[in-house]
C-alpha atoms as a PDB file:
ATOM      1  CA  MET A   1      -3.120  -5.222 -21.589  1.00  0.00           C
ATOM      2  CA  ASN A   2      -1.384  -7.003 -18.483  1.00  0.00           C
ATOM      3  CA  ILE A   3       0.379  -3.080 -18.025  1.00  0.00           C
ATOM      4  CA  ILE A   4      -2.724  -1.381 -17.735  1.00  0.00           C
ATOM      5  CA  ARG A   5      -3.758  -3.705 -14.773  1.00  0.00           C
ATOM      6  CA  SER A   6      -0.856  -4.061 -13.290  1.00  0.00           C
ATOM      7  CA  ALA A   7      -1.163  -0.348 -13.063  1.00  0.00           C
ATOM      8  CA  LEU A   8      -4.744  -0.137 -11.991  1.00  0.00           C
ATOM      9  CA  ARG A   9      -3.484  -2.705  -9.207  1.00  0.00           C
ATOM     10  CA  ALA A  10      -0.872  -0.386  -8.099  1.00  0.00           C
ATOM     11  CA  LEU A  11      -3.368   2.707  -8.279  1.00  0.00           C
ATOM     12  CA  ARG A  12      -5.776   1.171  -6.020  1.00  0.00           C
ATOM     13  CA  ALA A  13      -3.368   0.042  -3.244  1.00  0.00           C
ATOM     14  CA  ALA A  14      -2.032   3.394  -3.073  1.00  0.00           C
ATOM     15  CA  VAL A  15      -5.739   4.549  -2.809  1.00  0.00           C
ATOM     16  CA  SER A  16      -5.969   2.329  -0.079  1.00  0.00           C
ATOM     17  CA  VAL A  17      -3.398   2.640   1.965  1.00  0.00           C
ATOM     18  CA  VAL A  18      -3.668   6.378   1.918  1.00  0.00           C
ATOM     19  CA  SER A  19      -7.190   6.403   3.019  1.00  0.00           C
ATOM     20  CA  ASP A  20      -6.495   3.463   5.382  1.00  0.00           C
ATOM     21  CA  LEU A  21      -3.799   6.365   7.040  1.00  0.00           C
ATOM     22  CA  LYS A  22      -6.002   9.343   7.025  1.00  0.00           C
ATOM     23  CA  GLN A  23      -8.111   6.748   9.260  1.00  0.00           C
ATOM     24  CA  ASN A  24      -5.272   5.896  11.358  1.00  0.00           C
ATOM     25  CA  ASN A  25      -5.262   2.402  10.539  1.00  0.00           C
ATOM     26  CA  THR A  26      -2.718   0.189   9.374  1.00  0.00           C
ATOM     27  CA  PRO A  27      -2.596  -0.727   5.818  1.00  0.00           C
ATOM     28  CA  SER A  28      -2.777  -4.372   4.769  1.00  0.00           C
ATOM     29  CA  GLU A  29       0.282  -6.348   3.606  1.00  0.00           C
ATOM     30  CA  ARG A  30      -1.239  -7.237   0.603  1.00  0.00           C
ATOM     31  CA  GLU A  31      -1.757  -3.427  -0.364  1.00  0.00           C
ATOM     32  CA  LEU A  32       1.649  -2.602   1.068  1.00  0.00           C
ATOM     33  CA  ARG A  33       2.903  -5.607  -1.212  1.00  0.00           C
ATOM     34  CA  ARG A  34       1.693  -4.556  -3.970  1.00  0.00           C
ATOM     35  CA  LEU A  35       3.355  -1.113  -3.817  1.00  0.00           C
ATOM     36  CA  GLY A  36       6.391  -2.925  -3.321  1.00  0.00           C
ATOM     37  CA  ILE A  37       6.614  -2.286   1.011  1.00  0.00           C
ATOM     38  CA  SER A  38       7.311  -4.883   3.287  1.00  0.00           C
ATOM     39  CA  LYS A  39       5.276  -4.719   6.600  1.00  0.00           C
ATOM     40  CA  SER A  40       8.261  -4.877   8.812  1.00  0.00           C
ATOM     41  CA  ASP A  41       9.394  -1.514   6.086  1.00  0.00           C
ATOM     42  CA  PHE A  42       6.341   0.175   6.578  1.00  0.00           C
ATOM     43  CA  GLU A  43       6.171  -0.662  10.259  1.00  0.00           C
ATOM     44  CA  GLY A  44       9.986   1.254  10.849  1.00  0.00           C
ATOM     45  CA  ALA A  45       9.229   4.070   8.691  1.00  0.00           C
ATOM     46  CA  ARG A  46       5.600   4.656  10.829  1.00  0.00           C
ATOM     47  CA  LEU A  47       7.677   4.568  13.927  1.00  0.00           C
ATOM     48  CA  GLN A  48      10.130   7.144  12.770  1.00  0.00           C
END
């Protein structure tokens, strides 16, 4: 059951990040962490 909860949390975080990006907003650090992405890595990739 924990695996399912973890997967659903990751899915919700991914949907939220994509939604933020479509609106040209920066995703929250918490959502990025749930996906295993650091804020600095995200900003670096976004600038390229």
